[in-house]
N, C-alpha and C. Protein backbone atom coordinates (compact mmCIF):
# COMPACT_ATOMS: atom_id res chain seq x y z
N MET A 1 0.95 -1.26 0.00
CA MET A 1 -0.11 0.16 0.15
C MET A 1 1.03 1.12 0.15
N GLU A 2 0.71 1.96 -1.28
CA GLU A 2 1.34 3.56 -1.15
C GLU A 2 0.59 4.70 -0.37
N ILE A 3 1.28 5.58 0.46
CA ILE A 3 0.47 6.35 0.78
C ILE A 3 1.36 7.84 0.58
N VAL A 4 0.59 8.98 0.29
CA VAL A 4 0.95 10.14 0.10
C VAL A 4 0.30 10.99 0.91
N HIS A 5 0.83 11.70 1.76
CA HIS A 5 0.17 12.74 2.83
C HIS A 5 1.12 13.61 2.98
N GLU A 6 0.14 15.17 2.82
CA GLU A 6 0.79 16.34 2.93
C GLU A 6 0.79 16.95 4.41
N TYR A 7 1.52 17.19 5.07
CA TYR A 7 1.58 18.21 6.44
C TYR A 7 2.05 19.18 6.09
N ASP A 8 1.79 20.12 7.26
CA ASP A 8 2.38 21.59 7.16
C ASP A 8 3.99 21.42 6.52
N PHE A 9 4.61 20.79 7.06
CA PHE A 9 6.08 20.80 6.85
C PHE A 9 6.58 20.12 5.59
N GLY A 10 5.76 19.42 4.92
CA GLY A 10 5.72 18.79 3.81
C GLY A 10 4.96 17.76 3.42
N ILE A 11 5.40 16.57 2.17
CA ILE A 11 4.47 15.65 2.12
C ILE A 11 5.42 14.31 2.38
N VAL A 12 4.67 13.58 2.86
CA VAL A 12 5.16 12.01 3.08
C VAL A 12 4.74 10.94 2.60
N HIS A 13 5.97 10.01 1.63
CA HIS A 13 5.53 9.04 0.96
C HIS A 13 5.85 7.67 1.68
N LEU A 14 4.73 6.79 1.83
CA LEU A 14 5.02 5.77 3.09
C LEU A 14 4.36 4.88 2.17
N SER A 15 5.29 3.29 2.59
CA SER A 15 5.17 2.19 1.89
C SER A 15 4.94 1.24 2.95
N ALA A 16 3.70 0.09 2.70
CA ALA A 16 3.15 -0.57 3.70
C ALA A 16 3.06 -1.92 3.22
N TYR A 17 3.51 -3.10 3.94
CA TYR A 17 3.59 -4.12 3.53
C TYR A 17 2.94 -5.07 3.93
N PHE A 18 2.28 -6.16 3.76
CA PHE A 18 1.91 -7.31 4.69
C PHE A 18 2.91 -8.19 4.86
N CYS A 19 3.50 -8.67 5.84
CA CYS A 19 4.42 -9.65 6.14
C CYS A 19 4.07 -10.71 7.37
N GLU A 20 5.06 -11.76 7.12
CA GLU A 20 4.88 -12.86 7.91
C GLU A 20 6.33 -13.12 8.74
N LEU A 21 6.24 -12.71 10.26
CA LEU A 21 7.49 -13.32 10.54
C LEU A 21 7.72 -14.92 10.69
N VAL A 22 8.66 -15.53 10.03
CA VAL A 22 8.15 -17.13 10.30
C VAL A 22 9.70 -17.56 11.36
N ASN A 23 10.44 -16.30 11.87
CA ASN A 23 11.15 -17.49 12.59
C ASN A 23 11.84 -16.05 13.62
N GLY A 24 12.36 -16.07 14.60
CA GLY A 24 13.43 -15.25 15.39
C GLY A 24 12.41 -14.04 16.24
N GLU A 25 12.71 -12.93 16.47
CA GLU A 25 12.29 -12.23 16.88
C GLU A 25 12.73 -10.43 15.92
N PRO A 26 11.77 -9.81 15.67
CA PRO A 26 12.12 -8.70 14.75
C PRO A 26 13.11 -7.58 15.88
N VAL A 27 13.92 -6.79 14.80
CA VAL A 27 14.87 -5.93 15.71
C VAL A 27 14.18 -4.31 15.08
N ARG A 28 14.37 -3.62 15.98
CA ARG A 28 13.52 -2.28 15.72
C ARG A 28 14.84 -1.80 15.05
N THR A 29 15.19 -0.94 14.18
CA THR A 29 16.04 -0.07 13.94
C THR A 29 15.92 1.26 13.52
N GLU A 30 14.26 1.58 13.65
CA GLU A 30 13.98 3.08 13.38
C GLU A 30 13.67 3.83 14.70
N HIS A 31 12.70 3.08 15.34
CA HIS A 31 11.90 3.57 16.46
C HIS A 31 12.56 3.33 18.20
N GLU A 32 11.44 3.90 19.05
CA GLU A 32 11.95 3.85 20.11
C GLU A 32 11.54 2.27 20.65
N SER A 33 10.41 1.67 20.49
CA SER A 33 10.10 0.57 20.64
C SER A 33 9.22 0.10 20.08
N LEU A 34 8.64 -1.36 20.20
CA LEU A 34 8.37 -2.31 19.17
C LEU A 34 7.43 -2.78 20.24
N LYS A 35 5.94 -3.11 20.07
CA LYS A 35 5.28 -3.93 20.73
C LYS A 35 4.10 -4.51 19.42
N TRP A 36 3.92 -5.85 20.03
CA TRP A 36 2.82 -6.67 19.29
C TRP A 36 1.17 -6.63 19.49
N LEU A 37 0.35 -6.02 18.53
CA LEU A 37 -1.08 -5.72 18.90
C LEU A 37 -1.73 -6.46 17.99
N GLU A 38 -3.08 -6.87 18.57
CA GLU A 38 -3.86 -7.25 17.61
C GLU A 38 -4.93 -6.22 17.18
N LYS A 39 -5.39 -6.79 16.00
CA LYS A 39 -5.65 -5.75 15.45
C LYS A 39 -6.82 -4.66 15.80
N HIS A 40 -7.68 -5.21 16.72
CA HIS A 40 -8.73 -4.36 17.34
C HIS A 40 -8.05 -3.45 18.53
N GLU A 41 -6.57 -3.83 18.72
CA GLU A 41 -6.22 -2.94 19.67
C GLU A 41 -5.23 -1.87 19.04
N LEU A 42 -5.54 -1.89 17.83
CA LEU A 42 -4.52 -0.66 16.92
C LEU A 42 -5.27 0.89 17.67
N ASP A 43 -6.43 0.97 17.94
CA ASP A 43 -7.15 2.39 17.92
C ASP A 43 -6.59 2.56 19.27
N SER A 44 -5.49 2.02 20.11
CA SER A 44 -5.17 2.38 21.71
C SER A 44 -4.00 2.92 21.22
N LEU A 45 -3.19 3.31 20.20
CA LEU A 45 -2.35 3.92 20.00
C LEU A 45 -2.63 5.16 18.86
N ASP A 46 -1.52 6.35 19.41
CA ASP A 46 -1.90 7.57 18.86
C ASP A 46 -0.93 7.72 17.64
N TRP A 47 -1.61 7.45 16.41
CA TRP A 47 -1.31 7.27 15.42
C TRP A 47 -0.80 8.68 14.57
N ALA A 48 0.26 8.90 13.46
CA ALA A 48 0.17 9.96 12.72
C ALA A 48 -0.86 9.76 11.75
N GLU A 49 -1.17 11.07 11.45
CA GLU A 49 -2.20 11.12 10.11
C GLU A 49 -1.82 10.31 9.27
N ALA A 50 -0.61 10.45 9.05
CA ALA A 50 -0.36 9.66 7.71
C ALA A 50 -0.42 7.84 7.37
N ASN A 51 -0.22 7.39 8.79
CA ASN A 51 -0.77 6.30 8.90
C ASN A 51 -1.92 5.80 8.74
N LEU A 52 -2.99 6.35 9.50
CA LEU A 52 -4.58 5.93 9.37
C LEU A 52 -4.60 5.12 8.45
N PRO A 53 -4.73 5.61 7.04
CA PRO A 53 -5.08 4.52 6.29
C PRO A 53 -4.55 3.16 6.05
N THR A 54 -3.36 2.61 6.45
CA THR A 54 -2.73 1.69 6.96
C THR A 54 -3.16 0.84 7.74
N VAL A 55 -3.52 1.21 9.03
CA VAL A 55 -4.45 1.13 9.96
C VAL A 55 -5.40 0.54 9.69
N ALA A 56 -6.24 1.47 9.02
CA ALA A 56 -7.78 1.31 8.52
C ALA A 56 -7.83 0.08 7.92
N LYS A 57 -6.82 -0.28 6.76
CA LYS A 57 -6.60 -1.27 6.16
C LYS A 57 -6.66 -2.53 6.92
N ILE A 58 -5.83 -2.60 7.65
CA ILE A 58 -5.32 -3.99 8.68
C ILE A 58 -6.56 -4.29 9.37
N GLN A 59 -7.50 -2.71 10.13
CA GLN A 59 -8.63 -3.40 11.02
C GLN A 59 -9.44 -4.18 9.96
N ASN A 60 -9.66 -3.73 8.71
CA ASN A 60 -10.57 -4.32 8.23
C ASN A 60 -10.26 -5.46 7.14
N ARG A 61 -9.26 -5.85 7.69
CA ARG A 61 -8.79 -7.25 6.90
C ARG A 61 -9.31 -8.59 7.47
């Protein structure tokens, strides 16, 4: 899924992918924390505006 979102400071281009973790544990490289959530729990987070279409797609999947 490709998202283009315009903020006051500029335009953000996001690419989202559905993936499956086959073994091991994910390693975070960009963010302060990592947590696993069920799709019904996604609303508990404060998402950036640009992420909302991807979150909705996951919840409706």
